[in-house]
Amino acid sequence: QVQLVESGGGLVQPGEALTLSCAASGFTFNTYAIQWHRQAPGKERELVAGISSNGNGNILYADSVKGRFTISRDNSKNTAFLQMSSLKPEDTAVYYCRAILGRSAYWGQGTQVTVSA
């Protein structure tokens, strides 16, 4: 059974840092690219960051998070990460992990990140 399980969300103050994890099982993790998406209340889901299957290739970030967020993966542990620093209230959203290989794609259930003073 395919599973993507996000964890690490929570409530933080502006300027603080948080690291999200995405634990995968049930598929060949190291053949899939990984993306992090987020969805804020009343807004559409948006792509935040992406990393290629081997972790050494293409990495992309949304302009809104460049220089503050870092995506990475550990294929030996079937886990992906999103390190977030200098968090802003506008980063508040549910963060989702997505695994993609061609037309095959899996989503996690999401983890809430709230940035508030």
C-alpha atoms as a PDB file:
ATOM      1  CA  GLN A   1       0.000   0.000   0.000  1.00  0.00           C
ATOM      2  CA  VAL A   2       1.378   3.367  -1.049  1.00  0.00           C
ATOM      3  CA  GLN A   3       1.807   5.875   1.747  1.00  0.00           C
ATOM      4  CA  LEU A   4       3.249   9.347   2.049  1.00  0.00           C
ATOM      5  CA  VAL A   5       3.142  10.626   5.589  1.00  0.00           C
ATOM      6  CA  GLU A   6       4.052  14.214   6.367  1.00  0.00           C
ATOM      7  CA  SER A   7       5.099  15.304   9.825  1.00  0.00           C
ATOM      8  CA  GLY A   8       6.777  18.200  11.576  1.00  0.00           C
ATOM      9  CA  GLY A   9       4.138  20.860  11.218  1.00  0.00           C
ATOM     10  CA  GLY A  10       3.108  23.102  14.056  1.00  0.00           C
ATOM     11  CA  LEU A  11       2.687  26.611  15.383  1.00  0.00           C
ATOM     12  CA  VAL A  12       5.707  28.897  15.231  1.00  0.00           C
ATOM     13  CA  GLN A  13       6.356  32.602  15.520  1.00  0.00           C
ATOM     14  CA  PRO A  14       7.456  34.768  12.590  1.00  0.00           C
ATOM     15  CA  GLY A  15      11.162  34.421  11.927  1.00  0.00           C
ATOM     16  CA  GLU A  16      11.397  30.932  13.352  1.00  0.00           C
ATOM     17  CA  ALA A  17      12.277  27.710  11.559  1.00  0.00           C
ATOM     18  CA  LEU A  18      10.572  24.366  11.041  1.00  0.00           C
ATOM     19  CA  THR A  19      11.482  21.176   9.214  1.00  0.00           C
ATOM     20  CA  LEU A  20       8.859  18.995   7.575  1.00  0.00           C
ATOM     21  CA  SER A  21       9.383  15.318   6.787  1.00  0.00           C
ATOM     22  CA  CYS A  22       7.698  13.083   4.244  1.00  0.00           C
ATOM     23  CA  ALA A  23       8.057   9.360   4.884  1.00  0.00           C
ATOM     24  CA  ALA A  24       7.273   7.117   1.920  1.00  0.00           C
ATOM     25  CA  SER A  25       6.401   3.453   1.640  1.00  0.00           C
ATOM     26  CA  GLY A  26       4.810   1.065  -0.817  1.00  0.00           C
ATOM     27  CA  PHE A  27       6.654   2.232  -3.935  1.00  0.00           C
ATOM     28  CA  THR A  28      10.196   2.659  -5.226  1.00  0.00           C
ATOM     29  CA  PHE A  29      10.951   5.979  -3.617  1.00  0.00           C
ATOM     30  CA  ASN A  30      14.268   6.632  -5.338  1.00  0.00           C
ATOM     31  CA  THR A  31      12.668   6.602  -8.792  1.00  0.00           C
ATOM     32  CA  TYR A  32      10.151   9.325  -7.992  1.00  0.00           C
ATOM     33  CA  ALA A  33      10.638  13.085  -7.974  1.00  0.00           C
ATOM     34  CA  ILE A  34       9.315  14.743  -4.831  1.00  0.00           C
ATOM     35  CA  GLN A  35       7.428  17.984  -4.552  1.00  0.00           C
ATOM     36  CA  TRP A  36       6.152  19.981  -1.620  1.00  0.00           C
ATOM     37  CA  HIS A  37       2.916  21.895  -2.153  1.00  0.00           C
ATOM     38  CA  ARG A  38       0.916  24.059   0.198  1.00  0.00           C
ATOM     39  CA  GLN A  39      -2.638  25.280   0.433  1.00  0.00           C
ATOM     40  CA  ALA A  40      -3.680  28.255   2.493  1.00  0.00           C
ATOM     41  CA  PRO A  41      -7.325  28.814   3.503  1.00  0.00           C
ATOM     42  CA  GLY A  42      -9.332  30.108   0.570  1.00  0.00           C
ATOM     43  CA  LYS A  43      -6.444  29.729  -1.852  1.00  0.00           C
ATOM     44  CA  GLU A  44      -5.440  27.199  -4.462  1.00  0.00           C
ATOM     45  CA  ARG A  45      -2.781  24.627  -3.769  1.00  0.00           C
ATOM     46  CA  GLU A  46       0.614  25.835  -4.947  1.00  0.00           C
ATOM     47  CA  LEU A  47       3.967  24.223  -5.661  1.00  0.00           C
ATOM     48  CA  VAL A  48       6.589  25.240  -3.124  1.00  0.00           C
ATOM     49  CA  ALA A  49       9.631  23.135  -4.015  1.00  0.00           C
ATOM     50  CA  GLY A  50      10.650  20.091  -6.022  1.00  0.00           C
ATOM     51  CA  ILE A  51      13.617  17.733  -6.202  1.00  0.00           C
ATOM     52  CA  SER A  52      14.591  15.070  -8.713  1.00  0.00           C
ATOM     53  CA  SER A  53      14.626  11.377  -7.919  1.00  0.00           C
ATOM     54  CA  ASN A  54      18.338  11.152  -7.173  1.00  0.00           C
ATOM     55  CA  GLY A  55      18.490  14.389  -5.248  1.00  0.00           C
ATOM     56  CA  ASN A  56      21.470  15.570  -7.231  1.00  0.00           C
ATOM     57  CA  GLY A  57      19.609  16.893 -10.211  1.00  0.00           C
ATOM     58  CA  ASN A  58      17.016  19.545 -10.662  1.00  0.00           C
ATOM     59  CA  ILE A  59      15.780  21.436  -7.640  1.00  0.00           C
ATOM     60  CA  LEU A  60      13.232  24.195  -7.923  1.00  0.00           C
ATOM     61  CA  TYR A  61      11.591  26.665  -5.572  1.00  0.00           C
ATOM     62  CA  ALA A  62       8.693  29.029  -5.773  1.00  0.00           C
ATOM     63  CA  ASP A  63       9.874  32.635  -5.800  1.00  0.00           C
ATOM     64  CA  SER A  64       8.081  33.245  -2.518  1.00  0.00           C
ATOM     65  CA  VAL A  65      10.301  30.778  -0.649  1.00  0.00           C
ATOM     66  CA  LYS A  66      13.651  31.052  -2.425  1.00  0.00           C
ATOM     67  CA  GLY A  67      16.478  31.604   0.023  1.00  0.00           C
ATOM     68  CA  ARG A  68      14.301  30.556   2.979  1.00  0.00           C
ATOM     69  CA  PHE A  69      13.263  26.960   2.210  1.00  0.00           C
ATOM     70  CA  THR A  70      15.467  23.993   1.356  1.00  0.00           C
ATOM     71  CA  ILE A  71      14.200  20.729  -0.082  1.00  0.00           C
ATOM     72  CA  SER A  72      16.205  17.544   0.335  1.00  0.00           C
ATOM     73  CA  ARG A  73      15.790  13.791   0.401  1.00  0.00           C
ATOM     74  CA  ASP A  74      17.418  10.729   1.884  1.00  0.00           C
ATOM     75  CA  ASN A  75      16.744   7.824  -0.457  1.00  0.00           C
ATOM     76  CA  SER A  76      18.293   5.377   2.007  1.00  0.00           C
ATOM     77  CA  LYS A  77      15.474   6.260   4.432  1.00  0.00           C
ATOM     78  CA  ASN A  78      12.692   6.824   1.866  1.00  0.00           C
ATOM     79  CA  THR A  79      12.195  10.281   3.307  1.00  0.00           C
ATOM     80  CA  ALA A  80      12.060  13.807   1.943  1.00  0.00           C
ATOM     81  CA  PHE A  81      12.421  17.024   3.889  1.00  0.00           C
ATOM     82  CA  LEU A  82      11.496  20.660   3.653  1.00  0.00           C
ATOM     83  CA  GLN A  83      13.588  22.924   5.853  1.00  0.00           C
ATOM     84  CA  MET A  84      11.833  26.228   6.360  1.00  0.00           C
ATOM     85  CA  SER A  85      13.470  29.255   7.926  1.00  0.00           C
ATOM     86  CA  SER A  86      12.572  32.904   8.416  1.00  0.00           C
ATOM     87  CA  LEU A  87       8.945  31.884   8.401  1.00  0.00           C
ATOM     88  CA  LYS A  88       6.319  34.500   7.676  1.00  0.00           C
ATOM     89  CA  PRO A  89       2.605  34.598   8.480  1.00  0.00           C
ATOM     90  CA  GLU A  90       1.910  34.166   4.766  1.00  0.00           C
ATOM     91  CA  ASP A  91       3.614  30.762   4.926  1.00  0.00           C
ATOM     92  CA  THR A  92       0.686  29.521   6.976  1.00  0.00           C
ATOM     93  CA  ALA A  93      -0.882  26.610   5.093  1.00  0.00           C
ATOM     94  CA  VAL A  94      -1.329  22.883   4.969  1.00  0.00           C
ATOM     95  CA  TYR A  95       1.821  21.436   3.432  1.00  0.00           C
ATOM     96  CA  TYR A  96       1.590  18.367   1.227  1.00  0.00           C
ATOM     97  CA  CYS A  97       4.205  15.996  -0.079  1.00  0.00           C
ATOM     98  CA  ARG A  98       3.792  14.600  -3.604  1.00  0.00           C
ATOM     99  CA  ALA A  99       5.714  11.830  -5.350  1.00  0.00           C
ATOM    100  CA  ILE A 100       5.738  11.862  -9.162  1.00  0.00           C
ATOM    101  CA  LEU A 101       6.964   9.492 -11.852  1.00  0.00           C
ATOM    102  CA  GLY A 102       5.470  10.141 -15.260  1.00  0.00           C
ATOM    103  CA  ARG A 103       1.717   9.793 -14.930  1.00  0.00           C
ATOM    104  CA  SER A 104       1.990   8.139 -11.542  1.00  0.00           C
ATOM    105  CA  ALA A 105       1.586  10.490  -8.613  1.00  0.00           C
ATOM    106  CA  TYR A 106       0.867  10.104  -4.917  1.00  0.00           C
ATOM    107  CA  TRP A 107      -0.123  12.667  -2.302  1.00  0.00           C
ATOM    108  CA  GLY A 108       0.279  12.704   1.434  1.00  0.00           C
ATOM    109  CA  GLN A 109      -2.447  13.794   3.822  1.00  0.00           C
ATOM    110  CA  GLY A 110      -0.774  17.092   4.687  1.00  0.00           C
ATOM    111  CA  THR A 111       0.582  18.756   7.802  1.00  0.00           C
ATOM    112  CA  GLN A 112      -0.506  22.129   9.143  1.00  0.00           C
ATOM    113  CA  VAL A 113       2.017  24.941   9.494  1.00  0.00           C
ATOM    114  CA  THR A 114       0.855  28.068  11.284  1.00  0.00           C
ATOM    115  CA  VAL A 115       3.057  31.129  11.595  1.00  0.00           C
ATOM    116  CA  SER A 116       1.654  33.595  14.064  1.00  0.00           C
ATOM    117  CA  ALA A 117       2.796  35.922  16.816  1.00  0.00           C
END
